[in-house]
Amino acid sequence: MEFEFREYRKKDFLTSTEPFDIVYQYHHNRFEMTQAIEQMAALASSVGVKNFKSLFKEYCKEMAHKDSPPIRKNMTNFAGQPFALACGNWIADDAGIRLDTEYGEMVACIHPILPTKRLVNMDHHTEKLELEYCKGGIWRSTIESKRTLASATQILDLAEKGIAVNSENARLLVRYLHDMEYLNYDCIEEVSSIGRLGWVEGYGFSPYMEHLAFDGDTTCKKIFDSVKQMGEYTQWLEMASEIRKTSLFGRILLAASFSSILVQPLNCLPFFVHFWGGTEAGKTVGLMLAASVWADPRLGRYIQTFNSTAVGKERFAAFVCNLPLILDELQITSSRENFDQEIYKLSEGVGKTRGNKAGGVDDTPTWCNCILTNGEMPITSISSCGGAVNRIIEIECTTALFQNPKYVADTCLQNFGFAGQYLIEWLMQYDPHFTMVKQTYKIFLNQLEKLDTTGKQSMAMAVLLTADFLATEALFQDGRALQVEDVMPYLKTKKE
């Protein structure tokens, strides 16, 4: 909504509270207050006050103290605490958290602990709390679900994080954390959170949205954190541009990596791009190049191996969601028969439905991306399901992928994470509704459908060609976009 504010001068923001009073009157409606903050911040900026939001945050803290009932006057008093919170009847200091009762003093925790953030998941709209606690003079943090913190049984899991909770004090700690959150509901920052990578409908692309927190499984935190920028974009771009001049395999690898983010907007199915051939072909370096578009390409960071269970691959696929799923060294898989089934399941884009202890079912994991793999043998065999074979583009590396693989590897390890984010930003600016993307895809699809190949092969290759065209326009600007004739040798015929 449009608010009618009078014209303020710089000194109105710095010497009076009137502009802050005007905005604060909407504090009972979080959405309207957010709109008012943004409009007043723009007005403040126009007269030279650039920090209106931080000033208003301090104003809100002061108002919260004024509006608080007397019980809120008792505050936490931990050395080095992030900020002080009202703790009601609790005594909260460096000696621990206690409560005076008719039966004497009861201890909820022997060390400082308090909630500092409330995380609301953008997919499921569930809430979690970030807790900060101090052990040995060092403050640490953990993110836990409300279900865990509300149960005297489940809160015992926090003992693994070093929090002093046992069967004796569990109930009191549950009560303390509940009181702390609701006594300070307006003071504890609420942030949006996500437990995966990829497109978030109506918001943007994770992890590139501002003020976004990760609330997923701790085992995935390392992969989430690997999607970042490091080094110099110009060095990576120089290396990638040289590869596009000298290596068709390198061009396809880059195109496949970029294509992953288009699979969902184009309503296509997940597909494989598999590079195979003898040792010393540079296949692992090729995967590092593909991964460096988005993340840290070191093995074990973003790139995983085939040495995992079917459930592990499924959960990794669901976590990366719209970013490429990159798996190294096909030949280490233990059972070829079982792996043929895994291929089919991964190319379906939907995981297994599983029950839970509560008697219901967990959310079914889904993903919609490009799956990049390599190995010393083809990924398909004569016994592979036709539906899976259809969604796999296999590329035999008859020659080395790169003229200087060490230079490529060193450059990727030192400079990564720029190109993917820049392409997404370019799309959001110039084609937010994917109109041009869809038109380009249809052009390539029409050309491919005239060839002797299947619909799924045409679909996968059309997505790849579209991505390379966009990357050429947005990043490389070298006029070397892949054409249909470049990739024809890698399409399976209907007979095949």
Protein backbone atom coordinates (compact mmCIF):
# COMPACT_ATOMS: atom_id res chain seq x y z
CA MET A 1 0.00 0.00 0.00
CA GLU A 2 1.08 3.61 -0.55
CA PHE A 3 1.66 5.62 2.65
CA GLU A 4 1.30 9.38 2.70
CA PHE A 5 4.24 10.73 4.68
CA ARG A 6 4.98 14.41 5.03
CA GLU A 7 8.30 15.67 3.70
CA TYR A 8 11.00 15.19 6.32
CA ARG A 9 14.39 16.82 6.61
CA LYS A 10 17.60 15.14 7.66
CA LYS A 11 17.43 16.52 11.20
CA ASP A 12 13.92 15.02 11.63
CA PHE A 13 15.50 11.56 11.41
CA LEU A 14 18.51 12.41 13.57
CA THR A 15 16.99 14.57 16.33
CA SER A 16 13.35 13.44 16.66
CA THR A 17 11.32 10.23 16.75
CA GLU A 18 8.40 11.37 14.58
CA PRO A 19 9.31 9.35 11.43
CA PHE A 20 9.89 6.27 13.59
CA ASP A 21 6.61 6.79 15.48
CA ILE A 22 4.73 6.95 12.17
CA VAL A 23 6.17 3.63 10.97
CA TYR A 24 5.83 1.91 14.34
CA GLN A 25 2.06 2.49 14.44
CA TYR A 26 1.77 -0.35 11.89
CA HIS A 27 3.65 -2.85 14.11
CA HIS A 28 0.53 -4.98 14.66
CA ASN A 29 0.56 -5.86 10.94
CA ARG A 30 4.03 -7.22 9.99
CA PHE A 31 3.41 -6.86 6.22
CA GLU A 32 2.21 -3.27 6.39
CA MET A 33 5.05 -2.32 8.73
CA THR A 34 7.59 -3.84 6.31
CA GLN A 35 6.12 -1.76 3.48
CA ALA A 36 6.18 1.36 5.65
CA ILE A 37 9.82 0.71 6.60
CA GLU A 38 10.86 0.42 2.96
CA GLN A 39 9.04 3.58 1.90
CA MET A 40 10.34 5.61 4.85
CA ALA A 41 13.86 4.27 4.27
CA ALA A 42 13.71 5.50 0.68
CA LEU A 43 12.52 8.90 1.90
CA ALA A 44 15.33 9.02 4.49
CA SER A 45 17.92 8.09 1.89
CA SER A 46 16.78 10.94 -0.34
CA VAL A 47 17.74 13.44 2.40
CA GLY A 48 21.05 11.77 3.22
CA VAL A 49 20.11 9.35 6.02
CA LYS A 50 21.31 5.95 4.79
CA ASN A 51 20.85 3.92 7.98
CA PHE A 52 17.13 4.34 8.68
CA LYS A 53 16.54 0.59 9.03
CA SER A 54 19.22 0.12 11.68
CA LEU A 55 17.95 3.19 13.57
CA PHE A 56 14.41 1.83 13.42
CA LYS A 57 15.58 -1.54 14.72
CA GLU A 58 17.04 0.17 17.81
CA TYR A 59 13.83 2.20 18.14
CA CYS A 60 11.80 -1.03 18.17
CA LYS A 61 13.99 -2.48 20.91
CA GLU A 62 13.40 0.62 23.02
CA MET A 63 9.64 0.49 22.43
CA ALA A 64 9.60 -3.20 23.35
CA HIS A 65 11.14 -2.35 26.72
CA LYS A 66 8.58 0.42 27.33
CA ASP A 67 5.64 -1.81 26.40
CA SER A 68 6.87 -4.80 28.42
CA PRO A 69 5.14 -5.86 31.63
CA PRO A 70 7.25 -5.80 34.81
CA ILE A 71 8.12 -9.48 34.46
CA ARG A 72 10.25 -8.62 31.43
CA LYS A 73 12.62 -6.43 33.41
CA ASN A 74 14.71 -9.43 34.41
CA MET A 75 17.26 -9.85 31.61
CA THR A 76 19.85 -12.45 30.67
CA ASN A 77 23.32 -11.58 31.91
CA PHE A 78 25.77 -13.84 30.06
CA ALA A 79 29.34 -12.70 29.37
CA GLY A 80 29.76 -12.21 25.63
CA GLN A 81 26.07 -12.84 24.88
CA PRO A 82 24.87 -11.79 21.39
CA PHE A 83 22.24 -9.56 23.03
CA ALA A 84 20.21 -9.46 26.23
CA LEU A 85 16.76 -11.05 26.33
CA ALA A 86 14.01 -10.78 28.90
CA CYS A 87 13.95 -13.97 30.95
CA GLY A 88 10.92 -13.44 33.20
CA ASN A 89 11.26 -15.34 36.48
CA TRP A 90 14.37 -17.19 35.34
CA ILE A 91 17.82 -16.29 36.63
CA ALA A 92 20.12 -16.46 33.60
CA ASP A 93 23.79 -15.63 34.07
CA ASP A 94 27.20 -17.25 33.73
CA ALA A 95 26.40 -19.59 36.62
CA GLY A 96 23.64 -21.15 34.49
CA ILE A 97 19.87 -20.94 34.19
CA ARG A 98 17.86 -21.38 37.40
CA LEU A 99 14.35 -20.97 38.67
CA ASP A 100 13.33 -20.34 42.29
CA THR A 101 10.40 -22.55 43.26
CA GLU A 102 8.66 -23.54 46.48
CA TYR A 103 10.86 -26.63 46.45
CA GLY A 104 14.07 -24.63 46.13
CA GLU A 105 16.26 -23.62 43.21
CA MET A 106 15.81 -25.74 40.05
CA VAL A 107 18.54 -25.77 37.36
CA ALA A 108 17.54 -25.86 33.68
CA CYS A 109 21.09 -25.68 32.31
CA ILE A 110 24.51 -25.20 33.88
CA HIS A 111 25.82 -22.96 31.08
CA PRO A 112 24.50 -19.97 29.10
CA ILE A 113 22.03 -20.76 26.31
CA LEU A 114 19.41 -18.60 24.56
CA PRO A 115 17.43 -18.45 21.28
CA THR A 116 18.78 -15.90 18.81
CA LYS A 117 16.86 -16.45 15.53
CA ARG A 118 13.58 -17.91 14.36
CA LEU A 119 13.90 -19.60 10.97
CA VAL A 120 10.81 -20.08 8.78
CA ASN A 121 11.31 -22.62 5.99
CA MET A 122 10.27 -21.31 2.57
CA ASP A 123 9.25 -24.74 1.29
CA HIS A 124 7.30 -26.17 4.23
CA HIS A 125 6.63 -23.04 6.37
CA THR A 126 7.90 -24.93 9.40
CA GLU A 127 9.83 -23.11 12.13
CA LYS A 128 13.18 -23.81 13.71
CA LEU A 129 15.18 -21.95 16.34
CA GLU A 130 18.81 -20.98 16.27
CA LEU A 131 20.28 -21.46 19.74
CA GLU A 132 23.54 -19.94 20.90
CA TYR A 133 25.27 -21.45 23.92
CA CYS A 134 28.58 -20.98 25.69
CA LYS A 135 30.92 -23.78 26.76
CA GLY A 136 34.44 -23.08 28.02
CA GLY A 137 34.13 -19.39 27.16
CA ILE A 138 33.39 -20.15 23.48
CA TRP A 139 29.99 -19.31 22.00
CA ARG A 140 28.61 -21.86 19.55
CA SER A 141 25.33 -22.16 17.67
CA THR A 142 22.96 -24.86 16.49
CA ILE A 143 19.66 -24.88 14.60
CA GLU A 144 16.97 -27.18 15.96
CA SER A 145 13.36 -27.94 15.06
CA LYS A 146 10.53 -26.80 17.30
CA ARG A 147 9.50 -30.46 17.67
CA THR A 148 12.87 -31.28 19.23
CA LEU A 149 12.81 -28.29 21.57
CA ALA A 150 9.23 -28.96 22.67
CA SER A 151 9.82 -32.54 23.85
CA ALA A 152 11.62 -33.54 27.02
CA THR A 153 12.58 -36.77 25.27
CA GLN A 154 13.78 -35.37 21.95
CA ILE A 155 15.64 -32.42 23.48
CA LEU A 156 18.11 -34.99 24.85
CA ASP A 157 19.54 -35.11 21.28
CA LEU A 158 21.12 -31.71 22.03
CA ALA A 159 23.58 -33.49 24.32
CA GLU A 160 25.43 -34.59 21.17
CA LYS A 161 26.05 -30.90 20.40
CA GLY A 162 27.65 -30.35 23.80
CA ILE A 163 24.60 -28.83 25.49
CA ALA A 164 24.31 -29.94 29.11
CA VAL A 165 20.92 -31.66 29.02
CA ASN A 166 19.96 -34.96 30.64
CA SER A 167 16.86 -36.79 31.80
CA GLU A 168 16.85 -34.73 35.03
CA ASN A 169 16.85 -31.19 33.60
CA ALA A 170 15.24 -31.83 30.19
CA ARG A 171 11.74 -30.67 31.18
CA LEU A 172 13.05 -27.45 32.72
CA LEU A 173 15.18 -26.69 29.66
CA VAL A 174 12.13 -27.17 27.42
CA ARG A 175 10.18 -24.76 29.61
CA TYR A 176 13.01 -22.21 29.70
CA LEU A 177 13.45 -22.14 25.92
CA HIS A 178 9.68 -21.86 25.42
CA ASP A 179 9.48 -18.93 27.84
CA MET A 180 12.48 -17.21 26.27
CA GLU A 181 11.02 -17.34 22.78
CA TYR A 182 7.59 -16.01 23.70
CA LEU A 183 8.78 -13.40 26.17
CA ASN A 184 10.99 -12.02 23.39
CA TYR A 185 8.92 -12.89 20.33
CA ASP A 186 9.27 -9.40 18.80
CA CYS A 187 12.97 -9.13 19.65
CA ILE A 188 14.14 -12.43 18.16
CA GLU A 189 14.93 -11.94 14.48
CA GLU A 190 12.79 -13.95 12.05
CA VAL A 191 14.58 -15.00 8.86
CA SER A 192 13.66 -17.06 5.83
CA SER A 193 15.40 -20.41 5.59
CA ILE A 194 15.79 -23.27 3.15
CA GLY A 195 17.10 -26.80 3.35
CA ARG A 196 18.16 -27.28 -0.28
CA LEU A 197 19.54 -25.59 -3.37
CA GLY A 198 17.64 -24.46 -6.47
CA TRP A 199 14.58 -22.49 -7.48
CA VAL A 200 12.19 -21.32 -4.75
CA GLU A 201 8.90 -20.36 -6.32
CA GLY A 202 8.09 -16.69 -5.92
CA TYR A 203 11.43 -15.85 -4.29
CA GLY A 204 14.44 -16.67 -6.45
CA PHE A 205 17.27 -19.17 -6.39
CA SER A 206 18.88 -20.70 -3.33
CA PRO A 207 21.49 -19.86 -2.08
CA TYR A 208 21.66 -16.52 -3.93
CA MET A 209 18.77 -14.80 -2.12
CA GLU A 210 19.62 -12.16 0.46
CA HIS A 211 19.19 -12.88 4.18
CA LEU A 212 18.69 -16.59 3.57
CA ALA A 213 19.63 -19.11 6.27
CA PHE A 214 20.26 -22.83 5.88
CA ASP A 215 18.13 -25.08 8.09
CA GLY A 216 18.66 -28.46 6.45
CA ASP A 217 20.44 -31.60 7.50
CA THR A 218 23.85 -30.91 9.00
CA THR A 219 25.40 -33.50 6.66
CA CYS A 220 24.36 -31.28 3.71
CA LYS A 221 25.71 -28.07 5.24
CA LYS A 222 29.17 -28.67 3.73
CA ILE A 223 27.67 -28.97 0.23
CA PHE A 224 25.45 -25.90 0.77
CA ASP A 225 28.46 -23.87 1.93
CA SER A 226 30.49 -25.04 -1.10
CA VAL A 227 28.19 -23.05 -3.40
CA LYS A 228 30.08 -19.78 -3.09
CA GLN A 229 32.47 -17.49 -4.97
CA MET A 230 36.21 -17.76 -4.59
CA GLY A 231 39.14 -16.24 -6.48
CA GLU A 232 38.82 -14.11 -9.64
CA TYR A 233 36.03 -14.40 -12.18
CA THR A 234 38.25 -13.03 -14.97
CA GLN A 235 40.73 -15.89 -14.54
CA TRP A 236 37.99 -18.50 -14.70
CA LEU A 237 36.40 -16.80 -17.71
CA GLU A 238 39.73 -16.68 -19.56
CA MET A 239 40.27 -20.40 -18.95
CA ALA A 240 36.71 -21.36 -19.92
CA SER A 241 36.83 -19.21 -23.07
CA GLU A 242 40.03 -20.95 -24.16
CA ILE A 243 38.40 -24.35 -23.62
CA ARG A 244 35.44 -23.32 -25.76
CA LYS A 245 37.89 -22.59 -28.59
CA THR A 246 39.81 -25.86 -28.38
CA SER A 247 37.56 -28.60 -26.92
CA LEU A 248 34.10 -29.70 -28.00
CA PHE A 249 33.96 -31.94 -24.93
CA GLY A 250 34.67 -28.94 -22.72
CA ARG A 251 31.93 -26.93 -24.39
CA ILE A 252 29.42 -29.72 -23.78
CA LEU A 253 30.49 -30.06 -20.13
CA LEU A 254 29.97 -26.36 -19.50
CA ALA A 255 26.65 -26.38 -21.36
CA ALA A 256 25.44 -29.37 -19.34
CA SER A 257 26.32 -27.64 -16.08
CA PHE A 258 24.47 -24.46 -17.07
CA SER A 259 21.51 -26.47 -18.41
CA SER A 260 20.60 -27.87 -15.00
CA ILE A 261 18.83 -24.68 -13.88
CA LEU A 262 16.62 -24.70 -17.00
CA VAL A 263 15.19 -28.21 -16.62
CA GLN A 264 12.45 -27.15 -14.19
CA PRO A 265 11.42 -23.84 -15.85
CA LEU A 266 11.15 -25.68 -19.19
CA ASN A 267 9.03 -28.45 -17.59
CA CYS A 268 11.46 -31.13 -18.75
CA LEU A 269 12.59 -34.37 -17.15
CA PRO A 270 15.98 -34.91 -15.47
CA PHE A 271 18.61 -36.31 -17.81
CA PHE A 272 22.14 -37.72 -17.66
CA VAL A 273 25.24 -36.53 -19.50
CA HIS A 274 27.87 -39.26 -19.16
CA PHE A 275 31.51 -38.97 -20.29
CA TRP A 276 33.38 -42.24 -20.61
CA GLY A 277 36.71 -43.45 -21.93
CA GLY A 278 40.13 -44.67 -20.90
CA THR A 279 42.24 -43.30 -18.10
CA GLU A 280 44.23 -40.06 -18.62
CA ALA A 281 41.39 -38.58 -20.71
CA GLY A 282 40.82 -35.84 -18.13
CA LYS A 283 37.27 -36.90 -17.23
CA THR A 284 37.54 -35.98 -13.54
CA VAL A 285 39.02 -32.60 -14.46
CA GLY A 286 36.02 -32.20 -16.76
CA LEU A 287 33.65 -32.67 -13.84
CA MET A 288 35.69 -30.16 -11.85
CA LEU A 289 35.20 -27.66 -14.67
CA ALA A 290 31.45 -28.28 -14.63
CA ALA A 291 31.28 -27.95 -10.84
CA SER A 292 33.34 -24.74 -10.82
CA VAL A 293 30.46 -22.99 -12.57
CA TRP A 294 28.60 -23.14 -9.27
CA ALA A 295 30.75 -24.28 -6.38
CA ASP A 296 34.00 -25.52 -4.88
CA PRO A 297 35.00 -28.30 -7.31
CA ARG A 298 37.15 -30.28 -4.91
CA LEU A 299 36.12 -33.92 -4.62
CA GLY A 300 34.01 -34.43 -1.52
CA ARG A 301 32.88 -30.80 -1.44
CA TYR A 302 30.37 -30.41 -4.25
CA ILE A 303 31.38 -33.38 -6.41
CA GLN A 304 30.43 -36.75 -4.92
CA THR A 305 31.30 -40.28 -6.08
CA PHE A 306 29.29 -43.34 -7.03
CA ASN A 307 30.49 -44.94 -3.79
CA SER A 308 27.19 -44.40 -1.97
CA THR A 309 23.89 -46.17 -1.40
CA ALA A 310 20.79 -45.66 -3.53
CA VAL A 311 19.23 -43.67 -0.67
CA GLY A 312 22.36 -41.51 -0.44
CA LYS A 313 22.24 -40.67 -4.16
CA GLU A 314 18.52 -39.92 -3.91
CA ARG A 315 18.97 -37.53 -0.99
CA PHE A 316 21.91 -35.81 -2.65
CA ALA A 317 19.83 -35.35 -5.82
CA ALA A 318 16.93 -33.89 -3.82
CA PHE A 319 19.29 -31.55 -1.97
CA VAL A 320 20.95 -30.06 -5.08
CA CYS A 321 17.46 -30.08 -6.65
CA ASN A 322 18.04 -27.78 -9.65
CA LEU A 323 21.83 -27.55 -9.61
CA PRO A 324 23.69 -30.34 -11.41
CA LEU A 325 24.12 -33.65 -9.62
CA ILE A 326 27.78 -34.54 -10.26
CA LEU A 327 29.02 -38.09 -9.61
CA ASP A 328 32.57 -39.27 -10.28
CA GLU A 329 33.93 -42.73 -11.24
CA LEU A 330 31.09 -45.01 -12.36
CA GLN A 331 33.28 -48.13 -12.19
CA ILE A 332 33.37 -48.15 -8.37
CA THR A 333 29.67 -48.99 -8.17
CA SER A 334 29.29 -52.45 -6.66
CA SER A 335 26.41 -53.97 -8.63
CA ARG A 336 25.73 -53.14 -12.25
CA GLU A 337 22.25 -54.68 -12.11
CA ASN A 338 21.19 -52.57 -9.15
CA PHE A 339 22.80 -49.51 -10.66
CA ASP A 340 20.67 -49.80 -13.81
CA GLN A 341 17.67 -49.43 -11.50
CA GLU A 342 19.28 -46.42 -9.78
CA ILE A 343 19.77 -44.76 -13.18
CA TYR A 344 16.10 -45.17 -13.93
CA LYS A 345 15.07 -43.82 -10.52
CA LEU A 346 17.40 -40.82 -10.73
CA SER A 347 16.13 -39.95 -14.20
CA GLU A 348 12.54 -40.05 -12.88
CA GLY A 349 13.24 -37.13 -10.55
CA VAL A 350 11.13 -38.54 -7.71
CA GLY A 351 12.39 -40.43 -4.70
CA LYS A 352 10.86 -43.19 -2.62
CA THR A 353 7.89 -42.49 -0.36
CA ARG A 354 8.78 -43.50 3.19
CA GLY A 355 6.75 -43.81 6.37
CA ASN A 356 7.77 -42.19 9.63
CA LYS A 357 7.52 -43.02 13.32
CA ALA A 358 4.43 -40.84 13.74
CA GLY A 359 2.44 -43.11 11.43
CA GLY A 360 2.42 -40.72 8.47
CA VAL A 361 4.76 -40.37 5.52
CA ASP A 362 7.78 -38.12 5.00
CA ASP A 363 7.85 -35.61 2.17
CA THR A 364 8.69 -37.39 -1.07
CA PRO A 365 12.04 -36.03 -2.33
CA THR A 366 12.04 -34.55 -5.83
CA TRP A 367 14.62 -33.00 -8.15
CA CYS A 368 14.70 -31.60 -11.66
CA ASN A 369 18.20 -31.17 -13.02
CA CYS A 370 21.04 -32.45 -15.19
CA ILE A 371 23.04 -35.36 -13.80
CA LEU A 372 26.71 -35.28 -14.83
CA THR A 373 28.72 -38.49 -14.52
CA ASN A 374 31.93 -40.06 -15.78
CA GLY A 375 33.61 -43.44 -15.86
CA GLU A 376 35.76 -45.83 -17.86
CA MET A 377 32.70 -47.55 -19.34
CA PRO A 378 29.30 -46.56 -20.74
CA ILE A 379 26.61 -45.89 -18.16
CA THR A 380 24.06 -48.02 -20.02
CA SER A 381 24.16 -51.67 -20.96
CA ILE A 382 22.08 -53.91 -23.20
CA SER A 383 19.88 -54.72 -20.20
CA SER A 384 19.21 -51.08 -19.22
CA CYS A 385 15.58 -49.92 -19.24
CA GLY A 386 14.56 -48.10 -22.41
CA GLY A 387 13.13 -45.17 -20.46
CA ALA A 388 16.45 -44.63 -18.71
CA VAL A 389 18.54 -45.02 -21.89
CA ASN A 390 16.36 -42.40 -23.55
CA ARG A 391 17.34 -39.81 -20.93
CA ILE A 392 21.08 -40.39 -21.12
CA ILE A 393 23.45 -38.56 -23.44
CA GLU A 394 26.61 -40.66 -23.58
CA ILE A 395 29.82 -39.14 -24.88
CA GLU A 396 32.84 -41.32 -25.54
CA CYS A 397 36.10 -39.47 -24.94
CA THR A 398 38.17 -40.71 -27.87
CA THR A 399 40.77 -37.99 -27.20
CA ALA A 400 41.86 -36.04 -24.14
CA LEU A 401 39.28 -33.49 -23.01
CA PHE A 402 41.85 -30.71 -22.48
CA GLN A 403 45.23 -29.75 -23.89
CA ASN A 404 46.51 -28.80 -20.44
CA PRO A 405 44.39 -30.54 -17.76
CA LYS A 406 46.60 -29.36 -14.87
CA TYR A 407 46.06 -25.72 -15.85
CA VAL A 408 42.30 -26.33 -16.00
CA ALA A 409 42.26 -28.10 -12.62
CA ASP A 410 44.41 -25.47 -10.89
CA THR A 411 42.33 -22.61 -12.27
CA CYS A 412 39.06 -24.27 -11.25
CA LEU A 413 40.29 -24.99 -7.73
CA GLN A 414 41.34 -21.38 -7.19
CA ASN A 415 38.51 -19.57 -9.06
CA PHE A 416 34.94 -20.83 -8.92
CA GLY A 417 31.28 -20.05 -8.23
CA PHE A 418 30.88 -16.91 -10.36
CA ALA A 419 29.48 -18.02 -13.71
CA GLY A 420 26.37 -19.79 -12.43
CA GLN A 421 25.28 -16.93 -10.20
CA TYR A 422 25.93 -14.39 -12.96
CA LEU A 423 23.80 -16.38 -15.41
CA ILE A 424 20.90 -16.54 -12.94
CA GLU A 425 21.16 -12.80 -12.27
CA TRP A 426 21.20 -12.17 -16.03
CA LEU A 427 18.07 -14.31 -16.48
CA MET A 428 16.28 -12.57 -13.62
CA GLN A 429 17.04 -9.19 -15.17
CA TYR A 430 16.40 -9.84 -18.86
CA ASP A 431 14.03 -12.82 -18.94
CA PRO A 432 12.38 -13.29 -15.53
CA HIS A 433 9.43 -15.23 -17.00
CA PHE A 434 11.67 -17.40 -19.22
CA THR A 435 9.87 -16.23 -22.36
CA MET A 436 13.04 -16.05 -24.46
CA VAL A 437 14.34 -19.26 -22.90
CA LYS A 438 11.21 -21.16 -23.91
CA GLN A 439 11.28 -19.75 -27.44
CA THR A 440 14.94 -20.71 -27.88
CA TYR A 441 14.23 -24.19 -26.52
CA LYS A 442 11.39 -24.70 -29.00
CA ILE A 443 13.62 -23.69 -31.91
CA PHE A 444 16.27 -26.25 -30.97
CA LEU A 445 13.65 -28.90 -30.20
CA ASN A 446 12.05 -28.47 -33.63
CA GLN A 447 15.43 -28.91 -35.30
CA LEU A 448 16.27 -32.01 -33.26
CA GLU A 449 12.89 -33.65 -33.83
CA LYS A 450 13.63 -33.78 -37.55
CA LEU A 451 16.54 -36.12 -36.84
CA ASP A 452 16.41 -39.88 -36.35
CA THR A 453 16.26 -39.76 -32.55
CA THR A 454 13.70 -40.07 -29.76
CA GLY A 455 11.66 -37.36 -28.08
CA LYS A 456 13.45 -37.64 -24.74
CA GLN A 457 16.87 -37.44 -26.40
CA SER A 458 15.71 -34.36 -28.31
CA MET A 459 14.36 -32.79 -25.13
CA ALA A 460 17.58 -33.30 -23.18
CA MET A 461 19.80 -32.02 -25.97
CA ALA A 462 17.53 -29.03 -26.64
CA VAL A 463 17.86 -27.97 -22.97
CA LEU A 464 21.64 -28.30 -23.24
CA LEU A 465 21.82 -26.25 -26.46
CA THR A 466 19.53 -23.59 -24.99
CA ALA A 467 21.74 -23.26 -21.92
CA ASP A 468 24.86 -22.90 -24.05
CA PHE A 469 23.17 -20.21 -26.15
CA LEU A 470 22.24 -18.25 -22.99
CA ALA A 471 25.72 -18.62 -21.50
CA THR A 472 27.22 -17.39 -24.77
CA GLU A 473 24.98 -14.30 -24.73
CA ALA A 474 25.28 -13.53 -21.03
CA LEU A 475 28.86 -14.51 -20.16
CA PHE A 476 31.22 -15.50 -22.97
CA GLN A 477 30.01 -13.31 -25.86
CA ASP A 478 32.29 -15.19 -28.25
CA GLY A 479 29.75 -16.38 -30.83
CA ARG A 480 30.66 -20.05 -30.15
CA ALA A 481 27.28 -21.37 -29.06
CA LEU A 482 26.80 -25.07 -29.77
CA GLN A 483 24.72 -25.95 -32.82
CA VAL A 484 22.67 -29.06 -33.60
CA GLU A 485 25.31 -30.37 -36.01
CA ASP A 486 27.93 -30.22 -33.21
CA VAL A 487 26.02 -32.65 -30.99
CA MET A 488 24.40 -34.94 -33.57
CA PRO A 489 27.01 -37.71 -33.09
CA TYR A 490 25.99 -38.07 -29.43
CA LEU A 491 22.26 -38.61 -30.00
CA LYS A 492 20.95 -42.16 -30.00
CA THR A 493 18.87 -43.22 -32.98
CA LYS A 494 15.41 -44.69 -32.54
CA LYS A 495 16.79 -48.09 -33.47
CA GLU A 496 19.44 -47.84 -30.75
